[in-house]
Each structure stands twice: as C-alpha cells, then as structure tokens.
Amino acid sequence: MKILFNKIFYSTRLIVEKNYYILYNKIYRCGEIMEKIAIISDVHGNITALKAVFDDIEKRNIKRVFCLGDITAKLPNSDLVIDMIKEKCEVVLKGNCDEIISSPEIKKGRFWTRDRIGEKRAEYLYNLPVMYEFYLSGHLIRLFHSSPFSLSHIFNPMFKNINTKYKDIQISSPDKLFENTEFIGKTSDDKIPDMIGYGHLHTPNIFRWKNKTIFNPGSVGAPTEMLNDYEVDETSKFSTMASYIILEGEYDSKSLSGISINLVRVPYDIEKEIENLRKSDMPGKEDSIQMLRSAWPY
C-alpha cells in the first residue's frame, strides 16, 4: 500500500507541476503582451513625492515610465529629480517650466532653480521633445505636456479660465487636443490620435469625447484641486497625494485588443518635503508649503 500510495502521490505531483508549468508559461506570455506603462507628470522638484511614486511603480512591476514634463521649479530639489527621471523614465517630454528654466538666454542669478540644476542639466531639459506617440492595443496614443499648440495652452474640463490670466491661452473644446499642428511636428496627412494624454493641470482626470479618450495623470509633486483655497481642512488629504496613470495593453500593437486606464493616488511624507523646502533658500517657499498641505492651486 505504501509503494502504491507513493506512486499515486508522485504521479499526481507530476501532473500538478506540469499543469503549473503550462499555466506559468501562459501567464508569462501574457505578461509579454499585456504591458503596463506608468504615465507621470509635473514633479516640480519634489524628490520626496517622486521617490514614493517610483516605489509604487516598482511594487507593481511596471518597467516602462513616461514623463509628461515640468520636472523643475516650485520645490527645491530639481537637480535630484532630473537625475532620477533620466535614470528611470524611458520617455521624457518638455514642460513649460522646463523650457523657461532651461533657456540658453537665462543668465546666472535670474532663476533660483536654474542655478541649482547647473548648465548640463539645463541643456538636457532644453533639448527634450514636446510630443511622443505610440500604439497600445490598436489605439494611437499621443502625449504632450499641455497641448498641440504650445507648452502653456490650457484645456481644463473641470474649470474655466475665462476671467483669469490664462483666458487668452485657454482651449475651450476637447477637439483641439487632437489636432495635428506644426508645434508637435505634424501635418494634415498624419493620423489623428485615438487617445490624448497631457499634464499641466496638476489635477487628474479621465473622460471620453466623441469616441476618443482624454486623460491627465495630475501631478506627482504639486497636486492641486481647482476649488481648494489656502486653508487646510480634513478632506485636503485626499487631494494632496501624488498621482499618476497606468495604461495597460499590447504595447506597439496596431491590432485592436483589450486596454485599460487606471488612476493611482500615492501618499507621501509631505512634512519631509516641507522640511527640505525650509532648509533651502528657495524664494516663495511659504506659498509652496501651503500648496503641499492644502492642494491649493497657486
């Protein structure tokens, strides 16, 4: 009986191990096809938030990270942020703050952040592209910092800028985001994208428009809520968390297949970043501190 039992047990173990191996290989092959891509934006020199977001990305075993720009300004460690972004991001686009800070015409002493990052990093920022596009599960996805017209135009589906300083660069219709323009190196002969991803707002959102999708990952380093004010209340903690987007699908595939978009919020040690700010001699730090604590859109 003991010999018979051992044979049955051994035979069963082989079947289980064989089936596990087959299942493992199917998962592995599926993993090669269904790939996750992290889309981050608007880090703004916040090294504490960036480390927390990259920790979250790594826990999810995501290998591709694309950054939509505005790596610099607002918070004190733009130099460290640039170095980490260069190391970990496959695609990095230029934001409006990056362009201003990195301009070759900027003289020493003009911007605190420019002096902090040095000329080599400034040159890196200045030469970043303004647009990137790729296929995911049959969808042509186009990424830029704010719009196909400039690095500063604003499309905000949640808040109108009619009576603000941004009124002249406001984009009123979502259709405009899908236009092929000279600024992004496109002509009327190029394909119109199926999905648009952009940053600049610091407030995340995902919505559908005329059979197309528009998403914004919000901000890693300076998240804001449009209707928040200078004061901190109990609900501010839900908006001060860093945010990013995860896309999942068949990377570089023009065949229509399953695709998903996931918004992720990541808590981080805000007081640690405030301590970094207080230790620096960066100007305007009090407003930045209040922004970190209240998600106030200054």
Foldseek 3Di string as FASTA:
>chain_A
DVVVVVVVVVVVVVVVVVVVVVVVVVVVVVPQFKAKEWEAEQQAQQPQLVVQVVVVCVVVVHQAYAYQENLHHLADHSQVSLVVCVVRHPAYAYAPVLCVLLDPPDDPPPAPGNVVNDNVSSVVRNPHAAKDWFDFQQFIEIEGAAALPDNPAHEDPPDDCCPHPNNVRYDDDPVRRQDADVSNPGDPPDDGGQEYEYEDPLEWDWDDDPNGIYTYFHHSHQRADAPWALDADPPQQVGLFGKIKMKIGGTRDNHHDDIDIDIDTTHGDLVVSLVSRVVDPHPPSVSSNSRNRRRHDD
